PDB file of N, CA and C in Angstrom:
ATOM      1  N   MET A   1      11.298  15.780  -7.717  1.00  0.00           N
ATOM      2  CA  MET A   1      10.274  15.071  -8.088  1.00  0.00           C
ATOM      3  C   MET A   1      10.344  13.904  -7.145  1.00  0.00           C
ATOM      4  N   VAL A   2       9.059  12.954  -7.069  1.00  0.00           N
ATOM      5  CA  VAL A   2       8.532  12.737  -6.137  1.00  0.00           C
ATOM      6  C   VAL A   2       8.479  10.799  -6.329  1.00  0.00           C
ATOM      7  N   CYS A   3       9.018  10.311  -7.913  1.00  0.00           N
ATOM      8  CA  CYS A   3       9.049   9.144  -7.771  1.00  0.00           C
ATOM      9  C   CYS A   3      10.167   8.733  -7.819  1.00  0.00           C
ATOM     10  N   PRO A   4      10.177   7.596  -6.609  1.00  0.00           N
ATOM     11  CA  PRO A   4      11.997   6.978  -6.756  1.00  0.00           C
ATOM     12  C   PRO A   4      12.058   6.144  -7.949  1.00  0.00           C
ATOM     13  N   VAL A   5      11.422   6.303  -8.807  1.00  0.00           N
ATOM     14  CA  VAL A   5      12.246   5.128 -10.201  1.00  0.00           C
ATOM     15  C   VAL A   5      11.731   5.982 -10.876  1.00  0.00           C
ATOM     16  N   GLY A   6      11.951   6.956 -10.716  1.00  0.00           N
ATOM     17  CA  GLY A   6      11.463   7.958 -12.257  1.00  0.00           C
ATOM     18  C   GLY A   6      10.873   7.619 -13.533  1.00  0.00           C
ATOM     19  N   VAL A   7       9.654   6.947 -13.239  1.00  0.00           N
ATOM     20  CA  VAL A   7       8.917   6.514 -14.574  1.00  0.00           C
ATOM     21  C   VAL A   7       7.459   7.803 -14.272  1.00  0.00           C
ATOM     22  N   ILE A   8       7.403   8.863 -13.710  1.00  0.00           N
ATOM     23  CA  ILE A   8       6.352   9.655 -14.201  1.00  0.00           C
ATOM     24  C   ILE A   8       7.038  11.175 -14.070  1.00  0.00           C
ATOM     25  N   ASP A   9       6.210  11.528 -15.386  1.00  0.00           N
ATOM     26  CA  ASP A   9       7.106  13.048 -15.822  1.00  0.00           C
ATOM     27  C   ASP A   9       6.139  13.803 -15.824  1.00  0.00           C
ATOM     28  N   ILE A  10       6.169  15.155 -15.798  1.00  0.00           N
ATOM     29  CA  ILE A  10       5.656  16.080 -15.746  1.00  0.00           C
ATOM     30  C   ILE A  10       5.300  16.907 -17.094  1.00  0.00           C
ATOM     31  N   ARG A  11       4.403  16.536 -18.214  1.00  0.00           N
ATOM     32  CA  ARG A  11       4.318  17.537 -19.347  1.00  0.00           C
ATOM     33  C   ARG A  11       2.968  17.855 -19.846  1.00  0.00           C
ATOM     34  N   ARG A  12       3.422  19.211 -20.060  1.00  0.00           N
ATOM     35  CA  ARG A  12       2.100  20.056 -20.167  1.00  0.00           C
ATOM     36  C   ARG A  12       1.936  20.371 -19.159  1.00  0.00           C
ATOM     37  N   GLN A  13       2.287  20.000 -17.847  1.00  0.00           N
ATOM     38  CA  GLN A  13       0.997  20.319 -16.447  1.00  0.00           C
ATOM     39  C   GLN A  13       1.013  19.259 -15.729  1.00  0.00           C
ATOM     40  N   GLN A  14       1.209  18.067 -16.677  1.00  0.00           N
ATOM     41  CA  GLN A  14       0.201  16.802 -15.831  1.00  0.00           C
ATOM     42  C   GLN A  14       1.183  15.820 -16.455  1.00  0.00           C
ATOM     43  N   ALA A  15       0.779  14.945 -14.681  1.00  0.00           N
ATOM     44  CA  ALA A  15       2.031  14.111 -14.680  1.00  0.00           C
ATOM     45  C   ALA A  15       1.281  12.680 -16.017  1.00  0.00           C
ATOM     46  N   VAL A  16       2.731  12.241 -16.064  1.00  0.00           N
ATOM     47  CA  VAL A  16       2.147  11.150 -17.561  1.00  0.00           C
ATOM     48  C   VAL A  16       3.860  10.185 -16.995  1.00  0.00           C
ATOM     49  N   LEU A  17       2.912   8.543 -17.194  1.00  0.00           N
ATOM     50  CA  LEU A  17       3.592   7.817 -16.942  1.00  0.00           C
ATOM     51  C   LEU A  17       4.685   7.316 -17.866  1.00  0.00           C
ATOM     52  N   ASP A  18       5.706   7.089 -17.458  1.00  0.00           N
ATOM     53  CA  ASP A  18       6.488   6.669 -18.693  1.00  0.00           C
ATOM     54  C   ASP A  18       7.541   5.118 -18.184  1.00  0.00           C
ATOM     55  N   LEU A  19       7.094   4.105 -18.687  1.00  0.00           N
ATOM     56  CA  LEU A  19       7.682   2.674 -18.127  1.00  0.00           C
ATOM     57  C   LEU A  19       8.563   2.329 -19.070  1.00  0.00           C
ATOM     58  N   THR A  20       8.792   3.028 -19.976  1.00  0.00           N
ATOM     59  CA  THR A  20      10.236   3.301 -20.995  1.00  0.00           C
ATOM     60  C   THR A  20      11.513   2.322 -20.966  1.00  0.00           C
ATOM     61  N   PHE A  21      12.248   2.910 -19.208  1.00  0.00           N
ATOM     62  CA  PHE A  21      13.413   2.302 -19.033  1.00  0.00           C
ATOM     63  C   PHE A  21      13.186   1.858 -17.631  1.00  0.00           C
ATOM     64  N   SER A  22      11.906   1.795 -16.909  1.00  0.00           N
ATOM     65  CA  SER A  22      12.003   1.435 -15.574  1.00  0.00           C
ATOM     66  C   SER A  22      10.436   1.049 -15.291  1.00  0.00           C
ATOM     67  N   ALA A  23      10.315   0.576 -14.629  1.00  0.00           N
ATOM     68  CA  ALA A  23       9.108  -0.610 -14.053  1.00  0.00           C
ATOM     69  C   ALA A  23       8.267   0.469 -12.488  1.00  0.00           C
ATOM     70  N   CYS A  24       7.357   0.220 -13.091  1.00  0.00           N
ATOM     71  CA  CYS A  24       6.679   0.635 -11.539  1.00  0.00           C
ATOM     72  C   CYS A  24       6.754  -0.089 -10.711  1.00  0.00           C
ATOM     73  N   THR A  25       7.260   0.509  -9.402  1.00  0.00           N
ATOM     74  CA  THR A  25       6.730  -0.220  -7.913  1.00  0.00           C
ATOM     75  C   THR A  25       5.856  -0.354  -7.345  1.00  0.00           C
ATOM     76  N   LEU A  26       4.865   0.676  -7.433  1.00  0.00           N
ATOM     77  CA  LEU A  26       3.251   0.676  -7.542  1.00  0.00           C
ATOM     78  C   LEU A  26       3.436   1.279  -5.881  1.00  0.00           C
ATOM     79  N   CYS A  27       4.518   1.821  -5.559  1.00  0.00           N
ATOM     80  CA  CYS A  27       4.919   2.591  -3.799  1.00  0.00           C
ATOM     81  C   CYS A  27       3.974   3.285  -3.388  1.00  0.00           C
ATOM     82  N   GLY A  28       3.215   4.377  -4.333  1.00  0.00           N
ATOM     83  CA  GLY A  28       1.934   5.008  -3.605  1.00  0.00           C
ATOM     84  C   GLY A  28       2.681   6.482  -3.239  1.00  0.00           C
ATOM     85  N   LYS A  29       3.807   6.998  -4.069  1.00  0.00           N
ATOM     86  CA  LYS A  29       4.406   7.851  -3.325  1.00  0.00           C
ATOM     87  C   LYS A  29       3.688   8.813  -4.333  1.00  0.00           C
ATOM     88  N   CYS A  30       3.800   8.628  -5.655  1.00  0.00           N
ATOM     89  CA  CYS A  30       3.162   9.539  -6.092  1.00  0.00           C
ATOM     90  C   CYS A  30       1.047  10.025  -5.912  1.00  0.00           C
ATOM     91  N   ALA A  31       0.669   9.526  -4.940  1.00  0.00           N
ATOM     92  CA  ALA A  31      -0.319   9.303  -4.746  1.00  0.00           C
ATOM     93  C   ALA A  31      -0.412  10.072  -3.647  1.00  0.00           C
ATOM     94  N   GLU A  32       0.188  10.173  -2.763  1.00  0.00           N
ATOM     95  CA  GLU A  32       0.364  10.913  -1.837  1.00  0.00           C
ATOM     96  C   GLU A  32       1.273  12.378  -2.028  1.00  0.00           C
ATOM     97  N   SER A  33       1.790  12.567  -2.742  1.00  0.00           N
ATOM     98  CA  SER A  33       1.777  13.846  -3.043  1.00  0.00           C
ATOM     99  C   SER A  33       1.257  14.331  -4.279  1.00  0.00           C
ATOM    100  N   CYS A  34      -0.114  13.386  -4.340  1.00  0.00           N
ATOM    101  CA  CYS A  34      -1.021  14.586  -5.870  1.00  0.00           C
ATOM    102  C   CYS A  34      -1.735  15.341  -5.121  1.00  0.00           C
ATOM    103  N   PRO A  35      -1.734  16.751  -5.458  1.00  0.00           N
ATOM    104  CA  PRO A  35      -2.069  17.684  -4.788  1.00  0.00           C
ATOM    105  C   PRO A  35      -3.612  18.108  -5.077  1.00  0.00           C
ATOM    106  N   THR A  36      -3.974  17.393  -6.071  1.00  0.00           N
ATOM    107  CA  THR A  36      -5.156  17.698  -6.723  1.00  0.00           C
ATOM    108  C   THR A  36      -6.127  16.194  -6.394  1.00  0.00           C
ATOM    109  N   GLN A  37      -5.648  15.293  -6.011  1.00  0.00           N
ATOM    110  CA  GLN A  37      -6.073  13.670  -5.288  1.00  0.00           C
ATOM    111  C   GLN A  37      -6.397  13.127  -6.609  1.00  0.00           C
ATOM    112  N   ALA A  38      -6.161  13.195  -7.804  1.00  0.00           N
ATOM    113  CA  ALA A  38      -6.370  12.306  -8.869  1.00  0.00           C
ATOM    114  C   ALA A  38      -5.975  11.191  -8.766  1.00  0.00           C
ATOM    115  N   LEU A  39      -4.722  11.013  -8.426  1.00  0.00           N
ATOM    116  CA  LEU A  39      -4.015   9.526  -7.794  1.00  0.00           C
ATOM    117  C   LEU A  39      -4.842   9.625  -6.069  1.00  0.00           C
ATOM    118  N   HIS A  40      -4.617   8.863  -5.709  1.00  0.00           N
ATOM    119  CA  HIS A  40      -4.963   8.498  -4.270  1.00  0.00           C
ATOM    120  C   HIS A  40      -4.766   7.381  -3.756  1.00  0.00           C
ATOM    121  N   LEU A  41      -4.266   7.486  -2.635  1.00  0.00           N
ATOM    122  CA  LEU A  41      -3.932   5.576  -2.031  1.00  0.00           C
ATOM    123  C   LEU A  41      -5.066   4.479  -1.953  1.00  0.00           C
ATOM    124  N   SER A  42      -6.079   5.162  -1.995  1.00  0.00           N
ATOM    125  CA  SER A  42      -7.616   4.232  -1.653  1.00  0.00           C
ATOM    126  C   SER A  42      -7.829   3.611  -3.173  1.00  0.00           C
ATOM    127  N   PHE A  43      -7.310   4.288  -4.482  1.00  0.00           N
ATOM    128  CA  PHE A  43      -7.562   4.157  -5.694  1.00  0.00           C
ATOM    129  C   PHE A  43      -6.531   2.381  -5.831  1.00  0.00           C
ATOM    130  N   LYS A  44      -6.782   1.384  -6.772  1.00  0.00           N
ATOM    131  CA  LYS A  44      -6.596   0.207  -7.103  1.00  0.00           C
ATOM    132  C   LYS A  44      -5.190   0.381  -7.564  1.00  0.00           C
ATOM    133  N   LYS A  45      -3.929  -0.347  -7.077  1.00  0.00           N
ATOM    134  CA  LYS A  45      -2.445  -0.145  -7.185  1.00  0.00           C
ATOM    135  C   LYS A  45      -2.852  -0.869  -8.630  1.00  0.00           C
ATOM    136  N   ASP A  46      -2.825  -0.105  -9.770  1.00  0.00           N
ATOM    137  CA  ASP A  46      -2.990  -0.731 -10.995  1.00  0.00           C
ATOM    138  C   ASP A  46      -2.993   0.353 -11.922  1.00  0.00           C
ATOM    139  N   THR A  47      -1.938   0.146 -13.253  1.00  0.00           N
ATOM    140  CA  THR A  47      -1.790   1.362 -14.264  1.00  0.00           C
ATOM    141  C   THR A  47      -2.713   1.046 -15.286  1.00  0.00           C
ATOM    142  N   GLU A  48      -3.007  -0.233 -15.340  1.00  0.00           N
ATOM    143  CA  GLU A  48      -4.446   0.008 -16.022  1.00  0.00           C
ATOM    144  C   GLU A  48      -3.659  -0.221 -17.885  1.00  0.00           C
ATOM    145  N   LEU A  49      -2.230  -0.478 -17.604  1.00  0.00           N
ATOM    146  CA  LEU A  49      -1.701  -0.784 -18.726  1.00  0.00           C
ATOM    147  C   LEU A  49      -1.496  -2.202 -18.957  1.00  0.00           C
ATOM    148  N   ARG A  50      -1.187  -3.105 -20.116  1.00  0.00           N
ATOM    149  CA  ARG A  50      -1.188  -4.780 -20.386  1.00  0.00           C
ATOM    150  C   ARG A  50      -0.105  -4.412 -21.139  1.00  0.00           C
ATOM    151  N   PRO A  51       0.179  -5.552 -20.875  1.00  0.00           N
ATOM    152  CA  PRO A  51       1.712  -6.352 -22.035  1.00  0.00           C
ATOM    153  C   PRO A  51       1.032  -6.836 -23.417  1.00  0.00           C
ATOM    154  N   GLN A  52       1.002  -6.212 -24.700  1.00  0.00           N
ATOM    155  CA  GLN A  52       1.067  -6.653 -25.911  1.00  0.00           C
ATOM    156  C   GLN A  52       2.472  -7.657 -26.858  1.00  0.00           C
ATOM    157  N   PHE A  53       2.330  -8.461 -27.022  1.00  0.00           N
ATOM    158  CA  PHE A  53       3.889  -8.907 -27.473  1.00  0.00           C
ATOM    159  C   PHE A  53       3.728  -8.633 -28.566  1.00  0.00           C
ATOM    160  N   SER A  54       4.953  -8.479 -29.414  1.00  0.00           N
ATOM    161  CA  SER A  54       4.951  -8.335 -30.992  1.00  0.00           C
ATOM    162  C   SER A  54       5.371  -9.682 -31.352  1.00  0.00           C
ATOM    163  N   ASN A  55       5.804  -9.401 -32.718  1.00  0.00           N
ATOM    164  CA  ASN A  55       6.393 -10.880 -33.738  1.00  0.00           C
ATOM    165  C   ASN A  55       7.673 -11.002 -33.239  1.00  0.00           C
ATOM    166  N   ASP A  56       8.559  -9.870 -33.035  1.00  0.00           N
ATOM    167  CA  ASP A  56       9.582  -9.805 -32.595  1.00  0.00           C
ATOM    168  C   ASP A  56      10.408 -10.937 -30.880  1.00  0.00           C
ATOM    169  N   CYS A  57       9.173 -11.424 -30.549  1.00  0.00           N
ATOM    170  CA  CYS A  57       9.365 -12.338 -29.454  1.00  0.00           C
ATOM    171  C   CYS A  57       9.892 -13.253 -29.898  1.00  0.00           C
ATOM    172  N   LEU A  58      10.645 -13.926 -29.110  1.00  0.00           N
ATOM    173  CA  LEU A  58      10.889 -14.857 -29.208  1.00  0.00           C
ATOM    174  C   LEU A  58      10.190 -16.525 -29.033  1.00  0.00           C
ATOM    175  N   GLN A  59       9.418 -16.244 -28.154  1.00  0.00           N
ATOM    176  CA  GLN A  59       8.561 -17.384 -28.336  1.00  0.00           C
ATOM    177  C   GLN A  59       7.957 -17.812 -29.063  1.00  0.00           C
ATOM    178  N   THR A  60       7.219 -16.358 -30.133  1.00  0.00           N
ATOM    179  CA  THR A  60       6.123 -16.394 -31.074  1.00  0.00           C
ATOM    180  C   THR A  60       7.157 -16.934 -32.179  1.00  0.00           C
ATOM    181  N   LYS A  61       8.348 -17.270 -32.233  1.00  0.00           N
ATOM    182  CA  LYS A  61       9.150 -16.958 -33.065  1.00  0.00           C
ATOM    183  C   LYS A  61      10.012 -19.209 -33.067  1.00  0.00           C
ATOM    184  N   GLY A  62       9.469 -19.472 -31.864  1.00  0.00           N
ATOM    185  CA  GLY A  62       9.665 -21.107 -31.609  1.00  0.00           C
ATOM    186  C   GLY A  62      11.117 -20.994 -30.917  1.00  0.00           C
ATOM    187  N   GLN A  63      11.749 -20.377 -30.532  1.00  0.00           N
ATOM    188  CA  GLN A  63      12.702 -20.153 -29.482  1.00  0.00           C
ATOM    189  C   GLN A  63      12.008 -20.001 -28.055  1.00  0.00           C
ATOM    190  N   SER A  64      13.517 -20.382 -27.628  1.00  0.00           N
ATOM    191  CA  SER A  64      13.119 -20.300 -25.737  1.00  0.00           C
ATOM    192  C   SER A  64      13.533 -19.120 -25.022  1.00  0.00           C
ATOM    193  N   CYS A  65      12.291 -19.141 -24.333  1.00  0.00           N
ATOM    194  CA  CYS A  65      12.588 -17.485 -23.681  1.00  0.00           C
ATOM    195  C   CYS A  65      11.272 -17.515 -22.727  1.00  0.00           C
ATOM    196  N   ASP A  66      12.010 -17.045 -21.485  1.00  0.00           N
ATOM    197  CA  ASP A  66      10.465 -17.042 -20.542  1.00  0.00           C
ATOM    198  C   ASP A  66      10.972 -15.711 -19.697  1.00  0.00           C
ATOM    199  N   ASN A  67      11.866 -14.569 -20.506  1.00  0.00           N
ATOM    200  CA  ASN A  67      12.530 -13.471 -19.032  1.00  0.00           C
ATOM    201  C   ASN A  67      10.686 -12.956 -18.726  1.00  0.00           C
ATOM    202  N   CYS A  68       9.743 -12.559 -19.434  1.00  0.00           N
ATOM    203  CA  CYS A  68       8.472 -12.021 -19.077  1.00  0.00           C
ATOM    204  C   CYS A  68       8.351 -12.429 -18.159  1.00  0.00           C
ATOM    205  N   ILE A  69       7.966 -14.256 -18.556  1.00  0.00           N
ATOM    206  CA  ILE A  69       7.217 -14.580 -17.285  1.00  0.00           C
ATOM    207  C   ILE A  69       8.092 -14.808 -15.925  1.00  0.00           C
ATOM    208  N   GLN A  70       9.307 -14.873 -15.955  1.00  0.00           N
ATOM    209  CA  GLN A  70       9.663 -15.043 -14.768  1.00  0.00           C
ATOM    210  C   GLN A  70       9.948 -13.902 -13.689  1.00  0.00           C
ATOM    211  N   SER A  71      10.240 -12.255 -14.693  1.00  0.00           N
ATOM    212  CA  SER A  71      10.207 -11.468 -13.973  1.00  0.00           C
ATOM    213  C   SER A  71       8.635 -10.303 -13.566  1.00  0.00           C
ATOM    214  N   CYS A  72       7.675 -11.517 -13.763  1.00  0.00           N
ATOM    215  CA  CYS A  72       6.292 -10.975 -13.471  1.00  0.00           C
ATOM    216  C   CYS A  72       6.211 -11.140 -11.837  1.00  0.00           C
ATOM    217  N   PRO A  73       5.966 -10.110 -11.330  1.00  0.00           N
ATOM    218  CA  PRO A  73       5.828 -10.070  -9.994  1.00  0.00           C
ATOM    219  C   PRO A  73       4.460 -10.738  -9.615  1.00  0.00           C
ATOM    220  N   GLN A  74       3.872 -10.648  -9.931  1.00  0.00           N
ATOM    221  CA  GLN A  74       2.356 -11.255 -10.426  1.00  0.00           C
ATOM    222  C   GLN A  74       1.693 -12.441 -10.818  1.00  0.00           C
ATOM    223  N   GLN A  75       2.967 -13.110 -11.602  1.00  0.00           N
ATOM    224  CA  GLN A  75       2.697 -13.969 -12.384  1.00  0.00           C
ATOM    225  C   GLN A  75       1.432 -13.653 -13.130  1.00  0.00           C
ATOM    226  N   ALA A  76       1.011 -13.012 -13.529  1.00  0.00           N
ATOM    227  CA  ALA A  76       0.085 -12.973 -14.653  1.00  0.00           C
ATOM    228  C   ALA A  76       0.261 -13.362 -15.841  1.00  0.00           C
ATOM    229  N   ILE A  77       1.244 -13.630 -16.383  1.00  0.00           N
ATOM    230  CA  ILE A  77       2.034 -14.382 -17.774  1.00  0.00           C
ATOM    231  C   ILE A  77       2.077 -15.959 -17.583  1.00  0.00           C
ATOM    232  N   SER A  78       1.363 -16.107 -18.539  1.00  0.00           N
ATOM    233  CA  SER A  78       1.234 -17.919 -18.578  1.00  0.00           C
ATOM    234  C   SER A  78       2.359 -18.540 -19.879  1.00  0.00           C
ATOM    235  N   SER A  79       2.889 -19.387 -19.733  1.00  0.00           N
ATOM    236  CA  SER A  79       3.337 -20.141 -20.815  1.00  0.00           C
ATOM    237  C   SER A  79       3.725 -19.828 -21.744  1.00  0.00           C
ATOM    238  N   GLU A  80       1.845 -19.572 -22.669  1.00  0.00           N
ATOM    239  CA  GLU A  80       1.602 -19.425 -23.406  1.00  0.00           C
ATOM    240  C   GLU A  80       1.174 -17.848 -23.990  1.00  0.00           C
ATOM    241  N   LEU A  81       2.170 -17.293 -23.495  1.00  0.00           N
ATOM    242  CA  LEU A  81       1.628 -15.233 -23.425  1.00  0.00           C
ATOM    243  C   LEU A  81       0.636 -15.099 -23.346  1.00  0.00           C
ATOM    244  N   THR A  82      -0.359 -15.196 -22.704  1.00  0.00           N
ATOM    245  CA  THR A  82      -1.674 -14.841 -22.052  1.00  0.00           C
ATOM    246  C   THR A  82      -1.858 -14.140 -20.835  1.00  0.00           C
ATOM    247  N   ILE A  83      -2.329 -13.412 -20.909  1.00  0.00           N
ATOM    248  CA  ILE A  83      -2.320 -12.089 -19.781  1.00  0.00           C
ATOM    249  C   ILE A  83      -2.937 -12.590 -18.756  1.00  0.00           C
ATOM    250  N   ASN A  84      -3.189 -12.393 -17.938  1.00  0.00           N
ATOM    251  CA  ASN A  84      -4.592 -12.704 -16.800  1.00  0.00           C
ATOM    252  C   ASN A  84      -4.326 -11.303 -16.089  1.00  0.00           C
ATOM    253  N   ASN A  85      -5.275 -10.819 -16.443  1.00  0.00           N
ATOM    254  CA  ASN A  85      -6.102  -9.473 -16.602  1.00  0.00           C
ATOM    255  C   ASN A  85      -6.083  -8.818 -14.767  1.00  0.00           C
ATOM    256  N   ASP A  86      -6.526  -9.957 -14.128  1.00  0.00           N
ATOM    257  CA  ASP A  86      -7.189 -10.133 -13.072  1.00  0.00           C
ATOM    258  C   ASP A  86      -5.945 -10.205 -12.186  1.00  0.00           C
ATOM    259  N   LEU A  87      -4.615 -10.686 -12.315  1.00  0.00           N
ATOM    260  CA  LEU A  87      -3.757 -10.894 -11.712  1.00  0.00           C
ATOM    261  C   LEU A  87      -2.737  -9.365 -12.119  1.00  0.00           C
ATOM    262  N   CYS A  88      -2.553  -8.904 -13.370  1.00  0.00           N
ATOM    263  CA  CYS A  88      -1.850  -8.059 -13.999  1.00  0.00           C
ATOM    264  C   CYS A  88      -1.886  -6.581 -12.702  1.00  0.00           C
ATOM    265  N   ASN A  89      -0.944  -5.877 -12.774  1.00  0.00           N
ATOM    266  CA  ASN A  89      -1.279  -4.547 -12.438  1.00  0.00           C
ATOM    267  C   ASN A  89      -0.586  -3.509 -13.309  1.00  0.00           C
ATOM    268  N   GLY A  90       0.004  -4.246 -14.157  1.00  0.00           N
ATOM    269  CA  GLY A  90       0.656  -3.184 -15.819  1.00  0.00           C
ATOM    270  C   GLY A  90       1.852  -2.416 -14.820  1.00  0.00           C
ATOM    271  N   CYS A  91       2.503  -2.994 -13.766  1.00  0.00           N
ATOM    272  CA  CYS A  91       3.965  -2.714 -13.313  1.00  0.00           C
ATOM    273  C   CYS A  91       4.839  -2.188 -14.529  1.00  0.00           C
ATOM    274  N   GLY A  92       5.203  -3.356 -15.743  1.00  0.00           N
ATOM    275  CA  GLY A  92       6.282  -2.649 -16.911  1.00  0.00           C
ATOM    276  C   GLY A  92       7.268  -3.421 -16.414  1.00  0.00           C
ATOM    277  N   GLU A  93       7.547  -4.501 -15.483  1.00  0.00           N
ATOM    278  CA  GLU A  93       8.405  -5.472 -15.102  1.00  0.00           C
ATOM    279  C   GLU A  93       9.016  -6.111 -16.303  1.00  0.00           C
ATOM    280  N   CYS A  94       8.017  -7.008 -16.927  1.00  0.00           N
ATOM    281  CA  CYS A  94       8.126  -8.295 -18.029  1.00  0.00           C
ATOM    282  C   CYS A  94       8.582  -6.866 -19.038  1.00  0.00           C
ATOM    283  N   LYS A  95       8.009  -5.835 -19.084  1.00  0.00           N
ATOM    284  CA  LYS A  95       8.754  -4.955 -20.387  1.00  0.00           C
ATOM    285  C   LYS A  95      10.271  -5.086 -19.974  1.00  0.00           C
ATOM    286  N   GLN A  96      10.310  -4.260 -18.850  1.00  0.00           N
ATOM    287  CA  GLN A  96      11.878  -4.467 -18.666  1.00  0.00           C
ATOM    288  C   GLN A  96      12.883  -5.559 -18.601  1.00  0.00           C
ATOM    289  N   ALA A  97      12.264  -6.685 -18.833  1.00  0.00           N
ATOM    290  CA  ALA A  97      12.769  -8.234 -18.646  1.00  0.00           C
ATOM    291  C   ALA A  97      13.110  -8.103 -20.699  1.00  0.00           C
ATOM    292  N   CYS A  98      12.350  -7.914 -20.653  1.00  0.00           N
ATOM    293  CA  CYS A  98      12.498  -8.387 -22.792  1.00  0.00           C
ATOM    294  C   CYS A  98      13.761  -7.936 -23.626  1.00  0.00           C
ATOM    295  N   PHE A  99      14.991  -8.576 -23.577  1.00  0.00           N
ATOM    296  CA  PHE A  99      15.845  -8.253 -24.028  1.00  0.00           C
ATOM    297  C   PHE A  99      15.650  -7.766 -25.523  1.00  0.00           C
ATOM    298  N   MET A 100      14.488  -8.127 -26.131  1.00  0.00           N
ATOM    299  CA  MET A 100      14.158  -8.420 -27.541  1.00  0.00           C
ATOM    300  C   MET A 100      13.456  -7.046 -27.974  1.00  0.00           C
ATOM    301  N   ALA A 101      12.810  -6.040 -26.820  1.00  0.00           N
ATOM    302  CA  ALA A 101      11.669  -5.048 -27.128  1.00  0.00           C
ATOM    303  C   ALA A 101      10.860  -5.461 -27.954  1.00  0.00           C
ATOM    304  N   ALA A 102      10.321  -6.581 -27.436  1.00  0.00           N
ATOM    305  CA  ALA A 102       9.317  -7.021 -28.008  1.00  0.00           C
ATOM    306  C   ALA A 102       7.761  -7.146 -27.519  1.00  0.00           C
ATOM    307  N   LEU A 103       8.102  -6.167 -26.407  1.00  0.00           N
ATOM    308  CA  LEU A 103       6.433  -6.531 -25.635  1.00  0.00           C
ATOM    309  C   LEU A 103       6.360  -4.607 -25.450  1.00  0.00           C
ATOM    310  N   ASN A 104       5.173  -4.480 -25.762  1.00  0.00           N
ATOM    311  CA  ASN A 104       4.479  -2.998 -25.540  1.00  0.00           C
ATOM    312  C   ASN A 104       3.714  -3.339 -24.153  1.00  0.00           C
ATOM    313  N   LEU A 105       3.278  -2.042 -23.516  1.00  0.00           N
ATOM    314  CA  LEU A 105       1.983  -2.019 -22.573  1.00  0.00           C
ATOM    315  C   LEU A 105       1.382  -0.709 -23.076  1.00  0.00           C
ATOM    316  N   LYS A 106       0.071  -1.229 -23.057  1.00  0.00           N
ATOM    317  CA  LYS A 106      -1.291  -0.829 -23.680  1.00  0.00           C
ATOM    318  C   LYS A 106      -2.174  -0.869 -22.605  1.00  0.00           C
TER     319      LYS A 106
END
């Protein structure tokens, strides 16, 4: 396995990004080893996944929590839980930081 954080699985002979248990560091190791060049180092480093918040989010219930905001290395999540799509790279750090599991990447 080439991915140092284990977020790429091979299923039915295709690479599948799985950010369930870890975030993507966008290190480029997958692109370096891709035999078909479906991934390439010249492509923008972006999984194209974006966070979506469910009703389980503590902030939507009026409670204080900013784990997702603080964990975002791109500072793409505002205090109103809006996503700046130009800054977000879909890494999944916000999903990993949410102890309520109130965030999905789509």
